[in-house]
Amino acid sequence: MANKWRTTIADADWVFVRYSINPSDVLTETLVRKVTGIDKSVLAALITAQKAITTVTDPAVDNQKYEGIWTVKTLDPNPDEQGNTTGSADIVQVLSKGSYTYARPDNLSLVRSRAYSFEQNENAWMYYERFKNEETYKWSNLTKAGLIAVWDNIRQILTPDNPTNYAYPIWLYLTTKTTHLYSIVRWEYTYYGTSYVKYFMPVIISSGSEYKFNNWVEISIPTISECWYEQNSDGTYNLYRTLKTTNEPAIMRTRALQYAGMTLVQGLPILDDTVLTISGLQNETEVVYENARFRIGGDTYRVLGDSTAVDGTVTVDVNPAVTLATETLCDDNMNNVQCFWDAL
């Protein structure tokens, strides 16, 4: 009597078990299929053959094709002990969509994004504030060969040999390189005697079944702070990169710091004067820096340039010009009007 159980597995033998996907994250697409009625005497041989299959192109389920390249996540043989397949075995195969040979838009997702400001101190009362943006991206389901192909390009900022044509630097260097799709490039060139350094990231578009460069956008002072990968249970790899960019130009900020000593306005400032002389600085050679501020009465003046005191007296250019209130105050108290420094 002929054996009624399967001794081989063909595409037509696979039947549907389950399909799932989160529409907001296409990388979650999963297909489960199985083959039933397998002769247990050949099960070990069939398992060995199926273990060697790590990806499936256009898998067949109930004689329908699910297009694309799918990664085999798990393979589960089970005995059948009920129904008309009692005494045989089945093999359940769990497939996840995607097996990628390089970093591309359809296996890319944003993992984390944050932004914060930081200070670059100039002195005790003045600092420059910059805004830093930090984003971590993930490329999923890379093959080992695909990971090796993109690893060096993803984890560092590339500095190519520069052609003389400054206008199309990125096109000339990277247009045809699929393994460079998400490379960050530092471009240095000279134009009419002036040297420039710029950084670029790619804009990528679909070109049939593949992707290509469409354009590049300039980014500000990029730093790759982290780049790492991890292996999935199905043998594919996830690749991560954290990129920081810093805004330009910096924004000047000041802190209110009251000068401890008593200083006095000298002479008779006249309405609309833009120069003032101040005495009484404790450090006789004090340097009063640009953007320092002081108050005379209710008016606040800002210093326009660095000035060095001589014997504790300093003459500074100021903005705004001397007001009527300041002139009146000094007229009534010649050489005896106190100046309050918010910051030197």
Protein backbone atom coordinates (compact mmCIF):
# COMPACT_ATOMS: atom_id res chain seq x y z
CA MET A 1 0.00 0.00 0.00
CA ALA A 2 1.39 3.41 -0.98
CA ASN A 3 2.40 5.83 1.78
CA LYS A 4 -0.22 8.56 2.01
CA TRP A 5 2.11 11.04 3.80
CA ARG A 6 4.36 13.64 2.15
CA THR A 7 8.03 12.81 1.72
CA THR A 8 8.95 16.12 -0.03
CA ILE A 9 7.88 19.74 0.25
CA ALA A 10 6.80 21.77 -2.78
CA ASP A 11 5.56 25.38 -3.03
CA ALA A 12 2.01 24.14 -3.56
CA ASP A 13 2.07 22.31 -0.21
CA TRP A 14 2.22 25.42 1.99
CA VAL A 15 -1.09 26.54 3.53
CA PHE A 16 -2.06 29.76 5.32
CA VAL A 17 -1.89 30.01 9.12
CA ARG A 18 -1.64 33.68 10.01
CA TYR A 19 -0.64 37.12 8.70
CA SER A 20 -0.05 40.30 10.75
CA ILE A 21 1.20 43.84 10.22
CA ASN A 22 1.07 47.18 11.98
CA PRO A 23 0.16 49.62 9.17
CA SER A 24 2.13 52.34 10.96
CA ASP A 25 5.27 50.20 10.86
CA VAL A 26 5.63 48.06 7.74
CA LEU A 27 8.70 46.36 9.23
CA THR A 28 6.33 44.35 11.45
CA GLU A 29 4.89 42.39 8.51
CA THR A 30 4.78 38.68 9.39
CA LEU A 31 3.49 35.65 7.47
CA VAL A 32 3.00 32.20 8.99
CA ARG A 33 2.53 29.13 6.78
CA LYS A 34 2.75 25.38 7.25
CA VAL A 35 2.96 22.04 5.51
CA THR A 36 0.86 19.20 6.98
CA GLY A 37 0.82 15.43 6.52
CA ILE A 38 4.58 14.86 6.54
CA ASP A 39 5.86 11.33 6.86
CA LYS A 40 7.73 11.15 10.20
CA SER A 41 10.32 8.83 8.68
CA VAL A 42 11.67 11.68 6.51
CA LEU A 43 10.99 14.51 8.96
CA ALA A 44 14.62 14.85 10.09
CA ALA A 45 15.84 15.08 6.50
CA LEU A 46 13.19 17.66 5.61
CA ILE A 47 14.05 19.74 8.71
CA THR A 48 17.72 19.73 7.69
CA ALA A 49 16.80 20.91 4.21
CA GLN A 50 14.47 23.64 5.54
CA LYS A 51 17.06 24.88 8.09
CA ALA A 52 19.38 25.75 5.21
CA ILE A 53 16.77 28.17 3.80
CA THR A 54 17.19 31.58 5.47
CA THR A 55 15.24 33.72 2.99
CA VAL A 56 12.27 33.06 0.68
CA THR A 57 11.44 35.11 -2.40
CA ASP A 58 7.71 35.44 -3.20
CA PRO A 59 6.61 32.69 -0.77
CA ALA A 60 3.61 30.66 -1.89
CA VAL A 61 0.65 30.16 0.45
CA ASP A 62 -2.44 28.32 -0.82
CA ASN A 63 -1.03 28.80 -4.33
CA GLN A 64 -0.88 32.59 -3.86
CA LYS A 65 2.34 34.59 -3.91
CA TYR A 66 3.26 37.06 -1.17
CA GLU A 67 5.70 39.23 -3.05
CA GLY A 68 9.10 40.30 -1.86
CA ILE A 69 12.03 38.82 0.01
CA TRP A 70 11.09 37.32 3.38
CA THR A 71 13.39 36.21 6.19
CA VAL A 72 12.75 32.86 7.88
CA LYS A 73 12.43 33.74 11.57
CA THR A 74 11.50 30.35 13.01
CA LEU A 75 10.92 26.78 11.83
CA ASP A 76 8.77 24.53 14.08
CA PRO A 77 8.12 20.81 13.39
CA ASN A 78 5.15 19.37 15.30
CA PRO A 79 3.43 15.96 15.48
CA ASP A 80 -0.15 15.76 14.23
CA GLU A 81 -2.24 13.76 16.69
CA GLN A 82 -5.79 14.62 15.68
CA GLY A 83 -8.07 14.68 12.66
CA ASN A 84 -7.27 13.05 9.35
CA THR A 85 -3.53 13.79 9.68
CA THR A 86 -3.08 11.81 12.89
CA GLY A 87 0.22 9.94 12.84
CA SER A 88 2.02 12.45 10.58
CA ALA A 89 3.89 15.71 11.30
CA ASP A 90 3.75 19.30 10.16
CA ILE A 91 6.32 22.07 9.75
CA VAL A 92 5.33 25.66 10.62
CA GLN A 93 7.40 28.46 9.11
CA VAL A 94 7.29 32.05 10.40
CA LEU A 95 8.44 34.63 7.83
CA SER A 96 9.16 38.33 8.38
CA LYS A 97 9.14 40.74 5.45
CA GLY A 98 12.50 41.99 4.35
CA SER A 99 16.10 40.90 3.96
CA TYR A 100 18.22 43.84 2.92
CA THR A 101 21.68 44.01 1.43
CA TYR A 102 22.16 47.73 2.24
CA ALA A 103 20.59 50.56 4.22
CA ARG A 104 17.56 51.83 2.28
CA PRO A 105 14.31 53.76 2.95
CA ASP A 106 12.06 50.72 3.32
CA ASN A 107 14.05 49.28 6.25
CA LEU A 108 14.65 52.65 7.94
CA SER A 109 12.84 53.88 11.05
CA LEU A 110 13.32 56.69 13.56
CA VAL A 111 13.98 55.28 17.04
CA ARG A 112 14.49 58.45 19.07
CA SER A 113 14.69 62.19 18.57
CA ARG A 114 15.51 64.87 21.13
CA ALA A 115 16.76 68.44 21.14
CA TYR A 116 18.46 70.57 23.75
CA SER A 117 20.54 73.72 24.17
CA PHE A 118 24.04 73.91 25.58
CA GLU A 119 26.32 76.76 26.63
CA GLN A 120 29.72 77.73 25.32
CA ASN A 121 31.14 79.99 28.03
CA GLU A 122 32.96 83.17 27.10
CA ASN A 123 33.39 84.52 30.63
CA ALA A 124 31.44 84.69 33.89
CA TRP A 125 28.68 86.90 32.57
CA MET A 126 28.46 86.11 28.86
CA TYR A 127 28.03 82.81 27.00
CA TYR A 128 26.99 81.54 23.59
CA GLU A 129 23.98 79.27 23.37
CA ARG A 130 23.74 76.62 20.70
CA PHE A 131 20.91 74.27 19.90
CA LYS A 132 21.73 70.61 19.40
CA ASN A 133 19.45 68.10 17.68
CA GLU A 134 19.99 64.38 18.27
CA GLU A 135 18.34 61.60 16.25
CA THR A 136 18.79 57.84 16.37
CA TYR A 137 17.85 55.88 13.25
CA LYS A 138 17.54 52.12 12.78
CA TRP A 139 18.02 50.01 9.66
CA SER A 140 16.34 46.63 10.15
CA ASN A 141 16.85 43.13 8.77
CA LEU A 142 20.24 43.61 7.12
CA THR A 143 22.00 40.51 5.91
CA LYS A 144 25.51 39.95 7.25
CA ALA A 145 26.97 40.82 3.85
CA GLY A 146 24.77 43.93 3.71
CA LEU A 147 25.90 45.00 7.17
CA ILE A 148 29.56 44.65 6.23
CA ALA A 149 28.96 46.59 3.00
CA VAL A 150 27.50 49.67 4.73
CA TRP A 151 29.18 49.60 8.16
CA ASP A 152 32.20 51.78 7.34
CA ASN A 153 30.10 54.29 5.42
CA ILE A 154 27.39 54.64 8.06
CA ARG A 155 29.60 54.99 11.14
CA GLN A 156 31.85 57.83 9.96
CA ILE A 157 31.72 61.15 8.14
CA LEU A 158 33.26 60.66 4.71
CA THR A 159 35.78 63.10 3.26
CA PRO A 160 36.10 62.30 -0.45
CA ASP A 161 38.81 63.51 -2.80
CA ASN A 162 37.47 66.82 -4.05
CA PRO A 163 37.06 67.49 -7.75
CA THR A 164 37.58 71.05 -8.94
CA ASN A 165 33.91 71.55 -9.78
CA TYR A 166 32.46 72.81 -6.50
CA ALA A 167 28.87 73.04 -7.78
CA TYR A 168 28.07 69.31 -7.91
CA PRO A 169 30.37 67.68 -5.36
CA ILE A 170 28.02 65.01 -4.08
CA TRP A 171 26.73 63.91 -7.46
CA LEU A 172 30.27 63.42 -8.71
CA TYR A 173 31.22 61.28 -5.75
CA LEU A 174 28.28 59.16 -4.70
CA THR A 175 25.59 59.01 -7.38
CA THR A 176 25.96 55.33 -8.27
CA LYS A 177 26.93 53.85 -4.88
CA THR A 178 24.02 52.06 -3.21
CA THR A 179 26.15 51.20 -0.18
CA HIS A 180 26.57 54.97 0.44
CA LEU A 181 22.87 55.88 0.49
CA TYR A 182 22.97 57.26 4.03
CA SER A 183 26.57 58.45 4.15
CA ILE A 184 27.32 61.87 5.61
CA VAL A 185 29.89 63.77 3.59
CA ARG A 186 32.26 66.55 4.58
CA TRP A 187 32.98 68.69 1.54
CA GLU A 188 35.84 71.20 1.49
CA TYR A 189 36.42 73.46 -1.49
CA THR A 190 37.78 76.86 -2.49
CA TYR A 191 35.70 79.34 -4.46
CA TYR A 192 37.16 82.66 -5.63
CA GLY A 193 39.95 82.37 -3.10
CA THR A 194 37.68 81.62 -0.11
CA SER A 195 37.75 78.18 1.56
CA TYR A 196 34.49 76.52 2.55
CA VAL A 197 33.64 73.42 4.57
CA LYS A 198 30.12 72.01 4.30
CA TYR A 199 28.35 68.84 5.35
CA PHE A 200 25.66 67.03 3.37
CA MET A 201 23.05 64.29 3.82
CA PRO A 202 21.30 62.52 0.93
CA VAL A 203 17.76 62.86 -0.33
CA ILE A 204 16.75 59.48 -1.75
CA ILE A 205 13.98 58.52 -4.14
CA SER A 206 12.62 55.24 -5.51
CA SER A 207 13.90 54.15 -8.90
CA GLY A 208 11.87 51.09 -9.83
CA SER A 209 12.82 48.31 -7.40
CA GLU A 210 15.93 50.18 -6.25
CA TYR A 211 16.77 53.59 -4.79
CA LYS A 212 19.07 56.37 -5.91
CA PHE A 213 20.25 59.82 -4.90
CA ASN A 214 17.91 62.61 -5.85
CA ASN A 215 19.62 65.52 -4.10
CA TRP A 216 21.56 66.49 -0.99
CA VAL A 217 20.73 68.80 1.90
CA GLU A 218 23.27 70.71 3.92
CA ILE A 219 23.45 70.02 7.67
CA SER A 220 25.19 71.99 10.43
CA ILE A 221 28.23 70.62 12.28
CA PRO A 222 27.29 66.91 12.39
CA THR A 223 28.72 64.43 14.88
CA ILE A 224 28.08 60.69 14.84
CA SER A 225 27.97 60.06 18.58
CA GLU A 226 27.07 56.34 18.40
CA CYS A 227 26.83 53.60 15.81
CA TRP A 228 26.15 49.96 16.66
CA TYR A 229 24.43 46.81 15.42
CA GLU A 230 22.73 43.79 16.96
CA GLN A 231 21.85 40.37 15.63
CA ASN A 232 18.23 39.23 15.45
CA SER A 233 17.07 35.71 16.27
CA ASP A 234 16.61 35.00 12.54
CA GLY A 235 20.24 35.82 11.73
CA THR A 236 19.65 39.28 10.28
CA TYR A 237 21.05 42.45 11.82
CA ASN A 238 19.68 45.78 12.98
CA LEU A 239 21.99 48.77 12.52
CA TYR A 240 21.69 51.97 14.57
CA ARG A 241 23.23 55.42 14.24
CA THR A 242 22.87 58.46 16.52
CA LEU A 243 23.56 61.71 14.72
CA LYS A 244 23.94 65.10 16.40
CA THR A 245 23.77 68.39 14.54
CA THR A 246 24.50 71.83 16.00
CA ASN A 247 22.88 75.09 14.90
CA GLU A 248 24.79 77.98 13.41
CA PRO A 249 25.30 80.77 14.25
CA ALA A 250 25.47 80.74 18.04
CA ILE A 251 23.24 83.09 20.04
CA MET A 252 24.90 85.38 22.58
CA ARG A 253 23.39 85.32 26.08
CA THR A 254 24.26 87.28 29.21
CA ARG A 255 23.93 86.71 32.94
CA ALA A 256 23.21 89.48 35.45
CA LEU A 257 26.27 89.81 37.71
CA GLN A 258 26.63 92.88 39.90
CA TYR A 259 30.17 94.31 40.15
CA ALA A 260 31.21 94.38 43.83
CA GLY A 261 33.14 97.67 43.88
CA MET A 262 31.89 101.28 43.64
CA THR A 263 32.68 103.10 40.40
CA LEU A 264 31.89 106.70 39.50
CA VAL A 265 31.13 108.54 36.25
CA GLN A 266 33.81 111.15 35.49
CA GLY A 267 33.35 114.59 34.00
CA LEU A 268 30.18 116.07 32.55
CA PRO A 269 28.60 113.72 29.98
CA ILE A 270 26.59 115.68 27.44
CA LEU A 271 23.35 114.60 25.82
CA ASP A 272 23.99 112.24 22.85
CA ASP A 273 27.64 111.59 23.84
CA THR A 274 28.74 108.02 22.99
CA VAL A 275 31.88 107.94 25.17
CA LEU A 276 31.97 107.73 28.97
CA THR A 277 34.84 107.63 31.46
CA ILE A 278 34.43 105.60 34.65
CA SER A 279 36.82 105.44 37.63
CA GLY A 280 37.19 103.36 40.76
CA LEU A 281 37.78 99.90 39.33
CA GLN A 282 39.42 97.69 41.95
CA ASN A 283 41.70 96.07 39.38
CA GLU A 284 43.70 99.03 38.06
CA THR A 285 44.21 97.31 34.70
CA GLU A 286 40.74 95.80 34.45
CA VAL A 287 39.65 94.79 30.93
CA VAL A 288 36.07 95.85 30.21
CA TYR A 289 34.85 93.58 27.44
CA GLU A 290 32.58 94.25 24.51
CA ASN A 291 28.90 93.82 25.42
CA ALA A 292 29.55 94.60 29.11
CA ARG A 293 26.65 96.56 30.65
CA PHE A 294 26.29 99.18 33.35
CA ARG A 295 23.53 101.42 34.73
CA ILE A 296 23.58 105.15 35.46
CA GLY A 297 20.37 106.08 37.21
CA GLY A 298 17.62 104.30 35.31
CA ASP A 299 19.53 104.04 32.01
CA THR A 300 21.49 100.95 30.87
CA TYR A 301 24.51 101.30 28.57
CA ARG A 302 26.31 98.59 26.60
CA VAL A 303 30.04 98.69 25.85
CA LEU A 304 30.82 98.53 22.12
CA GLY A 305 34.41 97.27 22.29
CA ASP A 306 37.08 95.93 24.64
CA SER A 307 38.75 98.63 26.75
CA THR A 308 41.59 98.35 29.28
CA ALA A 309 41.62 100.49 32.45
CA VAL A 310 44.61 102.63 33.45
CA ASP A 311 45.00 103.24 37.21
CA GLY A 312 41.44 101.95 37.68
CA THR A 313 39.89 104.37 35.16
CA VAL A 314 38.48 103.24 31.83
CA THR A 315 37.01 105.10 28.85
CA VAL A 316 34.43 103.17 26.84
CA ASP A 317 32.32 103.61 23.73
CA VAL A 318 28.67 102.99 24.60
CA ASN A 319 25.24 102.42 23.13
CA PRO A 320 22.78 104.07 23.42
CA ALA A 321 24.11 107.59 23.46
CA VAL A 322 23.94 109.54 26.76
CA THR A 323 20.33 110.33 27.68
CA LEU A 324 18.98 113.56 29.11
CA ALA A 325 18.37 111.83 32.44
CA THR A 326 22.03 110.78 32.67
CA GLU A 327 23.25 114.25 31.69
CA THR A 328 21.05 115.86 34.37
CA LEU A 329 22.22 113.40 37.01
CA CYS A 330 25.89 114.09 36.26
CA ASP A 331 25.37 117.89 36.12
CA ASP A 332 23.98 117.82 39.64
CA ASN A 333 26.71 115.54 41.00
CA MET A 334 29.89 116.10 38.97
CA ASN A 335 32.40 113.24 39.43
CA ASN A 336 30.15 111.72 42.08
CA VAL A 337 27.52 109.78 40.13
CA GLN A 338 27.69 106.04 40.85
CA CYS A 339 27.87 103.55 37.98
CA PHE A 340 26.41 100.07 38.64
CA TRP A 341 28.01 97.30 36.56
CA ASP A 342 25.74 94.45 35.62
CA ALA A 343 28.76 92.67 34.11
CA LEU A 344 32.30 93.63 33.15
